[in-house]
N, C-alpha and C. Protein backbone atom coordinates (compact mmCIF):
# COMPACT_ATOMS: atom_id res chain seq x y z
N MET A 1 -3.10 57.32 -14.34
CA MET A 1 -3.97 56.36 -15.50
C MET A 1 -3.24 55.94 -16.40
N LYS A 2 -3.46 54.92 -16.98
CA LYS A 2 -2.76 54.34 -18.15
C LYS A 2 -3.05 55.02 -19.69
N LYS A 3 -2.17 55.03 -20.24
CA LYS A 3 -2.43 55.80 -21.42
C LYS A 3 -3.33 54.75 -22.57
N PHE A 4 -4.31 55.42 -23.13
CA PHE A 4 -5.13 54.29 -23.91
C PHE A 4 -4.77 54.51 -25.48
N ILE A 5 -4.52 53.31 -25.71
CA ILE A 5 -4.41 52.87 -27.25
C ILE A 5 -5.70 52.31 -27.76
N LEU A 6 -6.29 52.84 -28.79
CA LEU A 6 -7.74 52.64 -29.16
C LEU A 6 -7.60 52.06 -30.51
N GLY A 7 -8.58 51.21 -30.64
CA GLY A 7 -8.48 50.99 -32.01
C GLY A 7 -9.24 51.66 -33.24
N SER A 8 -10.32 50.86 -33.99
CA SER A 8 -10.65 51.60 -34.91
C SER A 8 -12.08 52.52 -34.74
N LEU A 9 -12.57 52.28 -33.64
CA LEU A 9 -13.66 53.29 -33.29
C LEU A 9 -13.97 53.29 -31.80
N CYS A 10 -14.14 54.09 -30.91
CA CYS A 10 -14.73 53.82 -29.54
C CYS A 10 -15.64 53.17 -29.20
N THR A 11 -15.71 52.27 -28.61
CA THR A 11 -16.63 51.42 -28.13
C THR A 11 -17.19 51.55 -26.77
N ALA A 12 -18.21 51.06 -26.25
CA ALA A 12 -18.27 51.36 -24.62
C ALA A 12 -16.89 50.52 -24.08
N VAL A 13 -16.35 49.52 -24.47
CA VAL A 13 -15.27 49.04 -23.91
C VAL A 13 -14.01 48.87 -24.98
N MET A 14 -14.95 49.26 -26.73
CA MET A 14 -14.39 50.47 -27.82
C MET A 14 -14.41 49.75 -29.58
N ALA A 15 -15.32 50.32 -31.21
CA ALA A 15 -14.96 49.94 -32.74
C ALA A 15 -15.56 51.01 -33.66
N PHE A 16 -15.37 51.90 -35.92
CA PHE A 16 -16.41 52.19 -37.17
C PHE A 16 -15.23 53.18 -38.09
N SER A 17 -15.56 53.59 -39.14
CA SER A 17 -15.07 54.46 -39.97
C SER A 17 -15.64 54.47 -41.27
N GLY A 18 -15.66 55.39 -42.36
CA GLY A 18 -15.99 55.43 -43.52
C GLY A 18 -15.32 56.25 -44.43
N SER A 19 -15.66 56.10 -45.72
CA SER A 19 -14.98 57.19 -46.62
C SER A 19 -15.96 57.04 -47.63
N ALA A 20 -15.44 57.90 -48.81
CA ALA A 20 -16.13 57.53 -50.22
C ALA A 20 -17.37 58.80 -50.36
N MET A 21 -17.53 59.18 -51.51
CA MET A 21 -18.55 59.91 -51.80
C MET A 21 -19.61 59.32 -52.58
N ALA A 22 -20.93 59.91 -52.54
CA ALA A 22 -21.92 59.53 -53.28
C ALA A 22 -23.26 60.45 -53.22
N ALA A 23 -23.81 60.38 -54.19
CA ALA A 23 -24.92 61.29 -54.17
C ALA A 23 -26.02 60.74 -53.41
N ASN A 24 -26.14 59.53 -53.54
CA ASN A 24 -27.28 58.83 -52.46
C ASN A 24 -26.58 57.98 -51.62
N PHE A 25 -26.92 57.97 -50.44
CA PHE A 25 -26.65 57.02 -49.55
C PHE A 25 -27.39 56.20 -48.89
N VAL A 26 -26.92 54.90 -48.74
CA VAL A 26 -27.70 53.62 -48.59
C VAL A 26 -27.70 53.10 -47.14
N ALA A 27 -29.26 52.93 -46.48
CA ALA A 27 -29.42 52.74 -45.16
C ALA A 27 -28.90 51.22 -45.04
N GLY A 28 -28.06 50.79 -43.87
CA GLY A 28 -27.44 49.50 -43.64
C GLY A 28 -26.05 49.78 -44.01
N LYS A 29 -25.50 50.56 -44.77
CA LYS A 29 -24.36 50.63 -45.38
C LYS A 29 -23.58 52.01 -44.84
N ASP A 30 -24.48 53.13 -45.04
CA ASP A 30 -23.92 54.35 -44.85
C ASP A 30 -24.41 54.90 -43.64
N TYR A 31 -25.67 54.56 -43.14
CA TYR A 31 -26.21 54.78 -41.80
C TYR A 31 -26.95 53.88 -41.39
N THR A 32 -27.30 53.92 -40.15
CA THR A 32 -28.37 52.91 -39.69
C THR A 32 -29.89 53.54 -39.36
N VAL A 33 -30.52 52.97 -39.74
CA VAL A 33 -32.10 53.27 -39.50
C VAL A 33 -32.33 52.94 -38.01
N VAL A 34 -33.02 53.76 -37.09
CA VAL A 34 -33.07 53.50 -35.46
C VAL A 34 -34.56 52.74 -35.71
N ALA A 35 -34.66 51.40 -35.13
CA ALA A 35 -35.78 50.42 -34.96
C ALA A 35 -36.70 51.10 -34.41
N ASN A 36 -36.67 51.77 -33.37
CA ASN A 36 -37.79 52.78 -32.51
C ASN A 36 -37.39 54.24 -32.50
N PRO A 37 -37.89 55.07 -33.19
CA PRO A 37 -37.52 56.49 -33.29
C PRO A 37 -37.73 56.96 -32.02
N VAL A 38 -37.00 57.93 -31.86
CA VAL A 38 -36.94 58.63 -30.66
C VAL A 38 -37.36 60.20 -30.99
N LYS A 39 -38.23 60.60 -30.02
CA LYS A 39 -38.82 62.20 -30.05
C LYS A 39 -37.66 62.86 -29.90
N VAL A 40 -37.74 63.79 -30.60
CA VAL A 40 -36.91 65.22 -30.64
C VAL A 40 -37.34 66.01 -29.38
N GLU A 41 -36.58 67.06 -28.90
CA GLU A 41 -36.77 67.62 -28.28
C GLU A 41 -37.55 68.82 -28.58
N VAL A 42 -37.10 69.34 -29.60
CA VAL A 42 -37.63 70.46 -30.37
C VAL A 42 -38.64 70.38 -31.40
N PRO A 43 -39.77 70.20 -31.36
CA PRO A 43 -40.66 70.07 -32.39
C PRO A 43 -40.56 71.04 -33.73
N GLY A 44 -40.62 70.46 -34.80
CA GLY A 44 -40.62 71.52 -35.92
C GLY A 44 -38.99 71.94 -36.26
N LYS A 45 -38.09 71.33 -35.70
CA LYS A 45 -36.65 71.67 -35.80
C LYS A 45 -36.04 70.23 -36.05
N ILE A 46 -35.15 69.92 -36.92
CA ILE A 46 -34.54 68.74 -37.56
C ILE A 46 -33.40 68.67 -36.57
N GLU A 47 -33.42 67.67 -35.93
CA GLU A 47 -32.40 67.33 -34.59
C GLU A 47 -31.06 66.71 -35.27
N VAL A 48 -29.95 67.07 -34.75
CA VAL A 48 -28.70 66.41 -34.91
C VAL A 48 -28.03 66.17 -33.80
N ARG A 49 -27.72 65.17 -33.26
CA ARG A 49 -27.22 64.98 -31.72
C ARG A 49 -26.15 64.21 -31.98
N GLU A 50 -24.87 64.50 -31.69
CA GLU A 50 -23.85 64.10 -31.87
C GLU A 50 -23.35 63.36 -30.43
N PHE A 51 -22.94 62.51 -30.04
CA PHE A 51 -22.49 61.51 -28.91
C PHE A 51 -21.02 61.44 -29.28
N PHE A 52 -20.15 61.84 -28.17
CA PHE A 52 -18.78 61.57 -28.23
C PHE A 52 -18.14 61.53 -26.87
N TRP A 53 -16.94 61.33 -26.68
CA TRP A 53 -16.16 61.10 -25.52
C TRP A 53 -14.82 61.85 -25.76
N TYR A 54 -14.39 62.69 -24.86
CA TYR A 54 -13.02 63.44 -25.13
C TYR A 54 -11.99 62.38 -25.27
N GLY A 55 -12.13 61.36 -24.89
CA GLY A 55 -10.66 60.29 -25.10
C GLY A 55 -10.88 59.67 -26.41
N CYS A 56 -11.78 59.76 -26.96
CA CYS A 56 -11.94 58.93 -28.26
C CYS A 56 -11.01 59.61 -29.35
N PRO A 57 -10.23 58.97 -30.24
CA PRO A 57 -9.26 59.50 -31.19
C PRO A 57 -10.14 59.73 -32.40
N HIS A 58 -11.27 58.82 -32.55
CA HIS A 58 -12.10 58.91 -33.54
C HIS A 58 -13.19 60.53 -33.52
N CYS A 59 -13.27 60.61 -32.35
CA CYS A 59 -14.11 61.65 -32.28
C CYS A 59 -13.31 62.91 -32.46
N PHE A 60 -11.91 62.81 -31.99
CA PHE A 60 -11.17 64.03 -32.25
C PHE A 60 -11.02 64.33 -33.84
N LYS A 61 -10.36 63.17 -34.54
CA LYS A 61 -10.59 63.30 -36.01
C LYS A 61 -12.07 63.83 -36.59
N LEU A 62 -13.12 63.66 -36.06
CA LEU A 62 -14.43 63.79 -36.77
C LEU A 62 -14.67 65.42 -36.29
N GLU A 63 -14.00 65.98 -35.07
CA GLU A 63 -14.53 67.16 -34.78
C GLU A 63 -14.36 68.09 -36.03
N PRO A 64 -12.88 68.15 -36.79
CA PRO A 64 -12.84 69.37 -37.29
C PRO A 64 -14.09 69.43 -38.55
N HIS A 65 -14.50 68.19 -39.05
CA HIS A 65 -15.45 68.07 -40.04
C HIS A 65 -16.79 68.42 -39.45
N MET A 66 -17.16 68.36 -38.16
CA MET A 66 -18.33 68.93 -37.41
C MET A 66 -17.98 70.26 -37.21
N GLN A 67 -16.84 70.90 -36.89
CA GLN A 67 -16.70 72.28 -36.85
C GLN A 67 -17.00 73.03 -38.11
N ALA A 68 -16.44 72.32 -39.17
CA ALA A 68 -16.93 72.87 -40.37
C ALA A 68 -18.29 73.15 -40.67
N TRP A 69 -18.82 71.98 -40.45
CA TRP A 69 -20.37 71.73 -40.74
C TRP A 69 -21.25 72.78 -39.95
N LEU A 70 -20.94 72.71 -38.79
CA LEU A 70 -21.50 73.94 -37.80
C LEU A 70 -21.47 75.49 -38.34
N LYS A 71 -20.67 75.59 -39.22
CA LYS A 71 -20.48 77.05 -39.75
C LYS A 71 -21.60 77.33 -40.57
N LYS A 72 -22.17 76.31 -41.17
CA LYS A 72 -23.06 76.52 -42.19
C LYS A 72 -24.23 75.58 -41.96
N ILE A 73 -24.81 75.59 -40.59
CA ILE A 73 -25.78 74.53 -40.19
C ILE A 73 -27.12 75.37 -40.61
N PRO A 74 -27.74 74.87 -41.23
CA PRO A 74 -29.49 75.27 -41.71
C PRO A 74 -30.10 75.61 -40.65
N LYS A 75 -30.68 76.75 -40.83
CA LYS A 75 -31.71 77.18 -40.05
C LYS A 75 -32.99 76.54 -39.39
N ASP A 76 -33.20 75.44 -39.87
CA ASP A 76 -34.23 74.42 -39.46
C ASP A 76 -33.47 73.10 -38.85
N VAL A 77 -32.26 73.27 -38.60
CA VAL A 77 -31.63 72.29 -37.97
C VAL A 77 -31.10 72.61 -36.60
N ARG A 78 -31.40 71.80 -35.38
CA ARG A 78 -30.84 72.08 -34.10
C ARG A 78 -29.84 71.29 -33.68
N PHE A 79 -28.65 71.57 -33.41
CA PHE A 79 -27.22 70.55 -33.16
C PHE A 79 -27.45 70.50 -31.47
N VAL A 80 -27.20 69.31 -30.91
CA VAL A 80 -26.94 69.20 -29.64
C VAL A 80 -25.87 67.97 -29.57
N ARG A 81 -25.10 68.59 -28.72
CA ARG A 81 -23.55 67.50 -28.31
C ARG A 81 -24.03 66.97 -27.21
N THR A 82 -23.93 65.63 -27.16
CA THR A 82 -24.01 64.54 -26.04
C THR A 82 -22.93 63.97 -25.82
N PRO A 83 -22.24 64.17 -24.41
CA PRO A 83 -21.14 63.47 -24.08
C PRO A 83 -21.43 62.20 -23.70
N ALA A 84 -21.17 60.96 -24.23
CA ALA A 84 -21.41 59.68 -23.97
C ALA A 84 -21.07 59.43 -22.62
N ALA A 85 -21.60 58.82 -21.63
CA ALA A 85 -21.54 58.41 -20.37
C ALA A 85 -21.61 56.77 -20.17
N MET A 86 -21.31 55.64 -20.99
CA MET A 86 -21.74 54.51 -21.22
C MET A 86 -20.85 53.67 -20.27
N ASN A 87 -19.72 54.15 -20.04
CA ASN A 87 -18.91 53.29 -18.79
C ASN A 87 -18.62 54.22 -17.77
N LYS A 88 -17.97 53.91 -16.62
CA LYS A 88 -17.71 54.99 -15.55
C LYS A 88 -16.51 55.75 -16.12
N LEU A 89 -15.66 55.60 -16.96
CA LEU A 89 -14.29 56.46 -17.38
C LEU A 89 -15.17 57.48 -18.18
N TRP A 90 -15.90 57.29 -19.11
CA TRP A 90 -16.46 58.03 -20.16
C TRP A 90 -17.58 59.06 -19.09
N GLU A 91 -18.08 58.66 -18.01
CA GLU A 91 -19.05 59.16 -17.33
C GLU A 91 -18.26 60.50 -16.44
N GLN A 92 -16.89 60.13 -16.34
CA GLN A 92 -16.26 61.36 -15.88
C GLN A 92 -16.00 62.46 -16.62
N GLY A 93 -16.06 62.02 -17.89
CA GLY A 93 -15.66 63.06 -19.12
C GLY A 93 -17.02 63.84 -19.35
N ALA A 94 -18.01 63.34 -19.34
CA ALA A 94 -19.38 63.62 -19.46
C ALA A 94 -19.81 64.54 -18.23
N ARG A 95 -19.37 64.25 -17.22
CA ARG A 95 -19.91 65.44 -16.18
C ARG A 95 -18.78 66.53 -16.19
N GLY A 96 -17.95 66.30 -16.57
CA GLY A 96 -16.94 67.67 -16.91
C GLY A 96 -17.45 68.58 -17.65
N TYR A 97 -18.07 67.97 -18.90
CA TYR A 97 -18.58 68.80 -20.18
C TYR A 97 -19.89 69.16 -19.66
N TYR A 98 -20.53 68.81 -18.63
CA TYR A 98 -21.77 69.22 -18.30
C TYR A 98 -21.66 70.50 -17.05
N VAL A 99 -20.66 70.34 -16.62
CA VAL A 99 -20.18 71.64 -15.52
C VAL A 99 -19.60 72.60 -16.24
N SER A 100 -18.88 72.14 -17.52
CA SER A 100 -18.40 73.26 -18.15
C SER A 100 -19.45 74.14 -18.85
N GLU A 101 -20.63 73.22 -19.20
CA GLU A 101 -21.62 73.94 -19.91
C GLU A 101 -22.48 74.90 -18.93
N ALA A 102 -22.57 74.36 -17.80
CA ALA A 102 -23.38 74.92 -16.60
C ALA A 102 -22.76 76.40 -15.91
N LEU A 103 -21.24 76.32 -16.62
CA LEU A 103 -20.41 77.26 -15.92
C LEU A 103 -20.26 78.36 -17.00
N GLY A 104 -20.92 77.98 -17.85
CA GLY A 104 -20.64 78.85 -19.10
C GLY A 104 -19.37 79.28 -20.15
N VAL A 105 -18.24 78.03 -19.74
CA VAL A 105 -17.24 77.93 -20.44
C VAL A 105 -16.81 77.05 -21.17
N ARG A 106 -18.01 76.27 -21.82
CA ARG A 106 -17.96 75.28 -22.77
C ARG A 106 -17.54 75.47 -24.11
N GLN A 107 -17.74 76.62 -24.51
CA GLN A 107 -17.20 76.95 -26.14
C GLN A 107 -15.80 77.61 -25.93
N LYS A 108 -15.37 78.00 -24.72
CA LYS A 108 -14.41 78.23 -24.50
C LYS A 108 -13.15 77.14 -24.49
N THR A 109 -13.96 76.01 -24.01
CA THR A 109 -12.89 74.82 -23.27
C THR A 109 -12.90 73.60 -24.41
N HIS A 110 -14.01 73.62 -25.01
CA HIS A 110 -14.19 72.08 -25.86
C HIS A 110 -13.16 71.53 -26.64
N LEU A 111 -12.87 72.52 -27.51
CA LEU A 111 -11.66 72.19 -28.57
C LEU A 111 -10.25 72.09 -27.94
N PRO A 112 -9.91 73.21 -26.57
CA PRO A 112 -8.52 73.11 -26.14
C PRO A 112 -8.96 71.60 -25.24
N LEU A 113 -9.77 71.11 -24.84
CA LEU A 113 -9.54 69.90 -24.17
C LEU A 113 -9.23 68.62 -25.09
N PHE A 114 -10.02 68.77 -26.07
CA PHE A 114 -9.60 67.93 -27.23
C PHE A 114 -8.05 67.70 -27.51
N HIS A 115 -7.70 68.86 -27.72
CA HIS A 115 -6.13 69.11 -28.17
C HIS A 115 -5.18 68.85 -27.09
N ALA A 116 -5.49 69.19 -25.93
CA ALA A 116 -4.84 68.56 -24.86
C ALA A 116 -4.40 67.25 -24.62
N ILE A 117 -5.83 66.42 -24.93
CA ILE A 117 -5.72 64.97 -24.55
C ILE A 117 -4.84 64.44 -25.86
N HIS A 118 -5.28 64.78 -27.23
CA HIS A 118 -4.82 63.94 -28.24
C HIS A 118 -3.47 64.47 -28.99
N VAL A 119 -3.08 65.68 -28.82
CA VAL A 119 -2.21 66.17 -29.31
C VAL A 119 -1.09 66.48 -28.14
N ASN A 120 -1.44 66.98 -27.23
CA ASN A 120 -0.33 66.91 -26.06
C ASN A 120 -0.26 65.80 -24.95
N ASN A 121 -1.16 64.77 -25.33
CA ASN A 121 -1.01 63.66 -24.59
C ASN A 121 -1.17 63.84 -22.90
N GLN A 122 -2.19 64.82 -22.69
CA GLN A 122 -2.46 64.93 -21.40
C GLN A 122 -3.56 63.93 -20.71
N GLN A 123 -3.57 62.98 -19.88
CA GLN A 123 -4.39 62.33 -19.13
C GLN A 123 -5.54 62.89 -18.48
N ILE A 124 -6.63 63.72 -18.99
CA ILE A 124 -7.51 64.52 -18.53
C ILE A 124 -8.83 63.91 -18.27
N PHE A 125 -8.89 62.95 -17.67
CA PHE A 125 -9.90 61.80 -17.49
C PHE A 125 -10.72 61.86 -16.41
N ASP A 126 -9.96 61.75 -15.52
CA ASP A 126 -10.96 61.83 -13.89
C ASP A 126 -11.01 63.21 -13.39
N GLN A 127 -11.74 63.27 -12.37
CA GLN A 127 -12.41 64.39 -11.69
C GLN A 127 -11.31 65.38 -11.56
N ALA A 128 -9.98 64.90 -10.90
CA ALA A 128 -9.06 65.91 -10.28
C ALA A 128 -8.30 66.38 -11.42
N ALA A 129 -8.20 65.67 -12.57
CA ALA A 129 -7.47 66.41 -13.86
C ALA A 129 -8.36 67.29 -14.34
N GLN A 130 -9.46 67.17 -14.46
CA GLN A 130 -10.41 68.00 -15.37
C GLN A 130 -10.58 69.02 -14.28
N ALA A 131 -10.86 69.18 -13.05
CA ALA A 131 -10.80 70.12 -12.16
C ALA A 131 -9.47 71.17 -12.41
N LYS A 132 -8.29 70.62 -12.52
CA LYS A 132 -7.18 71.42 -12.66
C LYS A 132 -6.92 71.89 -14.07
N PHE A 133 -7.52 71.25 -15.19
CA PHE A 133 -7.40 71.86 -16.45
C PHE A 133 -8.60 73.15 -16.60
N PHE A 134 -9.67 73.04 -16.16
CA PHE A 134 -10.65 73.99 -16.03
C PHE A 134 -9.95 75.41 -15.09
N THR A 135 -9.22 75.39 -14.41
CA THR A 135 -8.53 76.57 -13.52
C THR A 135 -8.35 77.37 -14.74
N LYS A 136 -7.51 76.97 -15.83
CA LYS A 136 -7.08 78.02 -17.05
C LYS A 136 -8.11 78.61 -17.51
N TYR A 137 -9.09 78.65 -17.12
CA TYR A 137 -10.29 79.17 -17.78
C TYR A 137 -11.43 79.87 -16.72
N GLY A 138 -10.69 79.97 -15.85
CA GLY A 138 -11.09 80.85 -14.61
C GLY A 138 -12.39 80.03 -13.47
N ILE A 139 -12.39 78.90 -13.65
CA ILE A 139 -13.10 78.03 -12.97
C ILE A 139 -12.10 77.52 -11.49
N PRO A 140 -12.44 77.92 -10.36
CA PRO A 140 -11.58 77.42 -9.18
C PRO A 140 -11.92 75.96 -8.91
N GLU A 141 -11.12 75.23 -8.58
CA GLU A 141 -11.15 73.66 -8.54
C GLU A 141 -12.55 73.47 -7.30
N SER A 142 -12.75 74.24 -6.58
CA SER A 142 -13.65 74.02 -5.36
C SER A 142 -14.86 74.16 -6.18
N LYS A 143 -15.01 75.08 -7.04
CA LYS A 143 -16.36 75.47 -7.67
C LYS A 143 -16.77 74.05 -8.76
N PHE A 144 -15.64 73.89 -9.38
CA PHE A 144 -15.73 72.66 -10.33
C PHE A 144 -16.25 71.43 -9.43
N ASN A 145 -15.51 71.20 -8.29
CA ASN A 145 -15.62 69.85 -7.68
C ASN A 145 -17.10 69.76 -7.12
N SER A 146 -17.62 71.09 -6.73
CA SER A 146 -18.85 71.05 -5.72
C SER A 146 -20.29 70.85 -6.71
N MET A 147 -19.68 71.09 -8.21
CA MET A 147 -20.74 70.78 -9.22
C MET A 147 -20.74 69.56 -9.68
N PHE A 148 -19.65 68.89 -9.53
CA PHE A 148 -19.40 67.19 -10.47
C PHE A 148 -20.40 66.50 -10.30
N ASN A 149 -20.64 66.31 -9.08
CA ASN A 149 -21.54 65.28 -8.51
C ASN A 149 -22.92 65.67 -8.12
N SER A 150 -23.21 66.84 -8.56
CA SER A 150 -24.41 67.60 -8.05
C SER A 150 -25.75 66.95 -8.74
N PHE A 151 -26.73 67.10 -8.37
CA PHE A 151 -27.99 66.81 -8.61
C PHE A 151 -28.19 66.89 -10.07
N SER A 152 -27.93 68.28 -10.47
CA SER A 152 -28.54 68.72 -12.01
C SER A 152 -27.49 67.84 -12.98
N ILE A 153 -26.04 67.97 -12.37
CA ILE A 153 -25.14 67.01 -13.51
C ILE A 153 -25.56 65.75 -13.69
N THR A 154 -25.91 64.95 -12.39
CA THR A 154 -26.04 63.64 -12.24
C THR A 154 -27.68 63.42 -13.56
N GLY A 155 -28.26 64.34 -13.49
CA GLY A 155 -29.49 64.14 -14.11
C GLY A 155 -29.19 64.33 -15.59
N LYS A 156 -28.05 64.90 -15.95
CA LYS A 156 -27.82 65.40 -17.40
C LYS A 156 -27.18 63.89 -17.61
N VAL A 157 -26.24 63.40 -17.08
CA VAL A 157 -25.65 62.17 -17.26
C VAL A 157 -26.81 61.00 -17.42
N ALA A 158 -27.62 60.87 -16.57
CA ALA A 158 -28.69 60.10 -16.75
C ALA A 158 -29.59 60.35 -17.95
N GLN A 159 -29.73 61.31 -18.50
CA GLN A 159 -30.29 61.47 -19.70
C GLN A 159 -29.42 61.05 -20.91
N SER A 160 -28.11 61.41 -20.64
CA SER A 160 -27.35 60.89 -21.82
C SER A 160 -27.23 59.55 -21.91
N ASN A 161 -27.26 59.02 -20.82
CA ASN A 161 -27.27 57.25 -20.93
C ASN A 161 -28.53 56.76 -21.37
N ARG A 162 -29.87 57.19 -20.94
CA ARG A 162 -31.22 56.98 -21.30
C ARG A 162 -31.08 57.05 -22.93
N LEU A 163 -30.46 58.06 -23.56
CA LEU A 163 -30.67 58.33 -24.83
C LEU A 163 -29.77 57.24 -25.55
N ALA A 164 -28.64 56.81 -25.08
CA ALA A 164 -27.94 55.87 -25.77
C ALA A 164 -28.59 54.31 -25.80
N GLN A 165 -28.98 54.09 -24.73
CA GLN A 165 -29.71 52.90 -24.54
C GLN A 165 -30.64 53.00 -25.74
N GLN A 166 -31.74 54.24 -26.05
CA GLN A 166 -32.82 54.14 -26.73
C GLN A 166 -32.22 53.73 -28.08
N TYR A 167 -31.18 54.47 -28.73
CA TYR A 167 -30.47 54.53 -29.82
C TYR A 167 -29.55 53.11 -30.20
N GLN A 168 -29.30 52.40 -28.72
CA GLN A 168 -28.66 51.04 -28.89
C GLN A 168 -27.37 51.45 -29.12
N LEU A 169 -26.66 52.48 -28.83
CA LEU A 169 -25.29 52.81 -29.05
C LEU A 169 -24.05 51.76 -28.50
N THR A 170 -23.51 51.33 -29.50
CA THR A 170 -22.32 50.37 -28.93
C THR A 170 -20.93 51.07 -29.02
N GLY A 171 -21.07 52.65 -29.34
CA GLY A 171 -19.86 53.43 -29.75
C GLY A 171 -19.85 54.65 -30.06
N VAL A 172 -18.89 55.51 -29.97
CA VAL A 172 -18.97 56.95 -30.48
C VAL A 172 -17.61 56.84 -31.29
N PRO A 173 -17.61 58.17 -32.44
CA PRO A 173 -18.83 59.00 -32.57
C PRO A 173 -19.87 58.50 -33.24
N ALA A 174 -21.15 58.94 -32.61
CA ALA A 174 -22.27 58.44 -33.26
C ALA A 174 -23.25 59.77 -33.42
N VAL A 175 -23.79 60.17 -34.77
CA VAL A 175 -24.49 61.38 -35.09
C VAL A 175 -25.65 60.66 -35.43
N VAL A 176 -26.95 61.47 -34.77
CA VAL A 176 -28.22 61.08 -34.79
C VAL A 176 -29.00 62.13 -35.63
N VAL A 177 -29.55 61.53 -36.59
CA VAL A 177 -30.27 62.74 -37.16
C VAL A 177 -31.92 62.34 -36.90
N ASN A 178 -32.53 63.49 -36.30
CA ASN A 178 -33.74 63.68 -35.82
C ASN A 178 -34.67 62.17 -35.27
N GLY A 179 -33.76 61.90 -34.62
CA GLY A 179 -34.08 60.75 -33.84
C GLY A 179 -34.27 59.32 -34.48
N LYS A 180 -33.91 59.29 -36.11
CA LYS A 180 -34.36 58.31 -36.72
C LYS A 180 -33.27 57.60 -37.34
N TYR A 181 -32.04 58.22 -37.45
CA TYR A 181 -30.75 57.88 -38.24
C TYR A 181 -29.58 57.95 -37.48
N ILE A 182 -28.73 56.97 -37.46
CA ILE A 182 -27.55 57.08 -36.90
C ILE A 182 -26.46 57.00 -37.94
N ILE A 183 -25.27 57.97 -37.87
CA ILE A 183 -24.06 57.98 -38.73
C ILE A 183 -23.13 57.60 -38.09
N GLN A 184 -22.04 56.84 -38.21
CA GLN A 184 -20.93 56.66 -37.34
C GLN A 184 -19.73 56.76 -38.27
N GLY A 185 -18.54 57.12 -37.88
CA GLY A 185 -17.33 57.34 -38.62
C GLY A 185 -16.34 58.61 -38.24
N GLU A 186 -15.47 58.86 -38.87
CA GLU A 186 -14.35 59.96 -38.42
C GLU A 186 -14.19 60.95 -39.54
N ASP A 187 -14.51 60.67 -40.52
CA ASP A 187 -14.30 61.57 -41.58
C ASP A 187 -15.18 62.64 -42.32
N ALA A 188 -14.73 62.92 -43.27
CA ALA A 188 -15.72 64.25 -43.94
C ALA A 188 -17.08 63.45 -44.65
N LYS A 189 -16.94 62.04 -44.91
CA LYS A 189 -18.47 61.71 -45.31
C LYS A 189 -19.52 61.56 -44.18
N VAL A 190 -18.88 61.71 -43.03
CA VAL A 190 -20.23 61.68 -42.30
C VAL A 190 -20.97 62.96 -42.29
N THR A 191 -20.38 64.02 -42.67
CA THR A 191 -21.25 65.50 -42.82
C THR A 191 -21.74 65.20 -44.12
N GLN A 192 -21.26 64.58 -45.27
CA GLN A 192 -21.87 64.20 -46.21
C GLN A 192 -23.28 63.44 -46.08
N VAL A 193 -23.37 62.46 -45.51
CA VAL A 193 -24.44 61.42 -45.32
C VAL A 193 -25.50 62.30 -44.10
N LEU A 194 -24.79 63.28 -43.47
CA LEU A 194 -25.52 64.15 -42.51
C LEU A 194 -26.44 64.91 -43.30
N ASP A 195 -25.79 65.62 -44.25
CA ASP A 195 -26.54 66.66 -44.96
C ASP A 195 -27.90 65.83 -45.92
N PHE A 196 -27.38 64.64 -46.34
CA PHE A 196 -28.23 63.72 -47.16
C PHE A 196 -29.43 63.43 -46.40
N LEU A 197 -29.11 63.12 -45.01
CA LEU A 197 -30.49 62.70 -44.18
C LEU A 197 -31.33 63.94 -43.51
N ILE A 198 -30.72 64.96 -43.52
CA ILE A 198 -31.23 66.24 -43.15
C ILE A 198 -32.34 66.56 -44.48
N ASN A 199 -31.82 66.64 -45.49
CA ASN A 199 -32.64 66.77 -46.54
C ASN A 199 -33.54 65.84 -46.83
N LYS A 200 -33.44 64.47 -46.42
CA LYS A 200 -34.38 63.44 -46.58
C LYS A 200 -35.89 64.06 -45.65
N GLU A 201 -35.12 64.29 -44.22
CA GLU A 201 -36.25 64.55 -43.49
C GLU A 201 -36.92 65.79 -43.80
N ARG A 202 -36.49 66.62 -44.44
CA ARG A 202 -37.05 68.05 -44.86
C ARG A 202 -37.89 67.51 -45.65
N LYS A 203 -37.70 66.76 -46.81
CA LYS A 203 -38.62 66.86 -47.67
C LYS A 203 -39.71 65.78 -47.34
N ALA A 204 -39.61 64.97 -46.06
CA ALA A 204 -40.53 64.41 -45.58
C ALA A 204 -41.90 64.92 -44.79
N LYS A 205 -41.24 66.15 -44.64
CA LYS A 205 -42.17 66.94 -43.83
C LYS A 205 -43.45 67.30 -44.28
């Protein structure tokens, strides 16, 4: 597989970034308002949904900021990580993510897989490469492969695509707040805007 040299944000065939600090953030500049808000899965909780692709360098740069934010996630917030499957390459990664989740190893493999791709330059994008990677975490290749194209995993991939279409996403990383707002970027500003929008939603209740 060719080594990917990516530009300024991963789009479905690939482009975003941000910086700066502010007490108030502005729609259209710091975040996008969803034209047709999407209903969240758990009523009563403020949903934060992160769309990503393991091969995206911008997602990799954002990940430490999201990890730091997750350590202090408010009790009224529900975080959902959603692997984007907006093209055939990304779909391979999404399937691998959902298999790791189904087999209970996602928490062990999520950061190491990012690291292997972006620090060690390993091309872990297709089914075979992923199957081999997950053997390090006690998952036999045969088990991984048997689930990769299963009905349940295919259903999750379809849901990911359906949500991406509803939010009219053109790239990742994309952090969606309560089905209403989309934040795009790769630095600490993302979590600052995230906290701002969570507070905005909390006050609107």
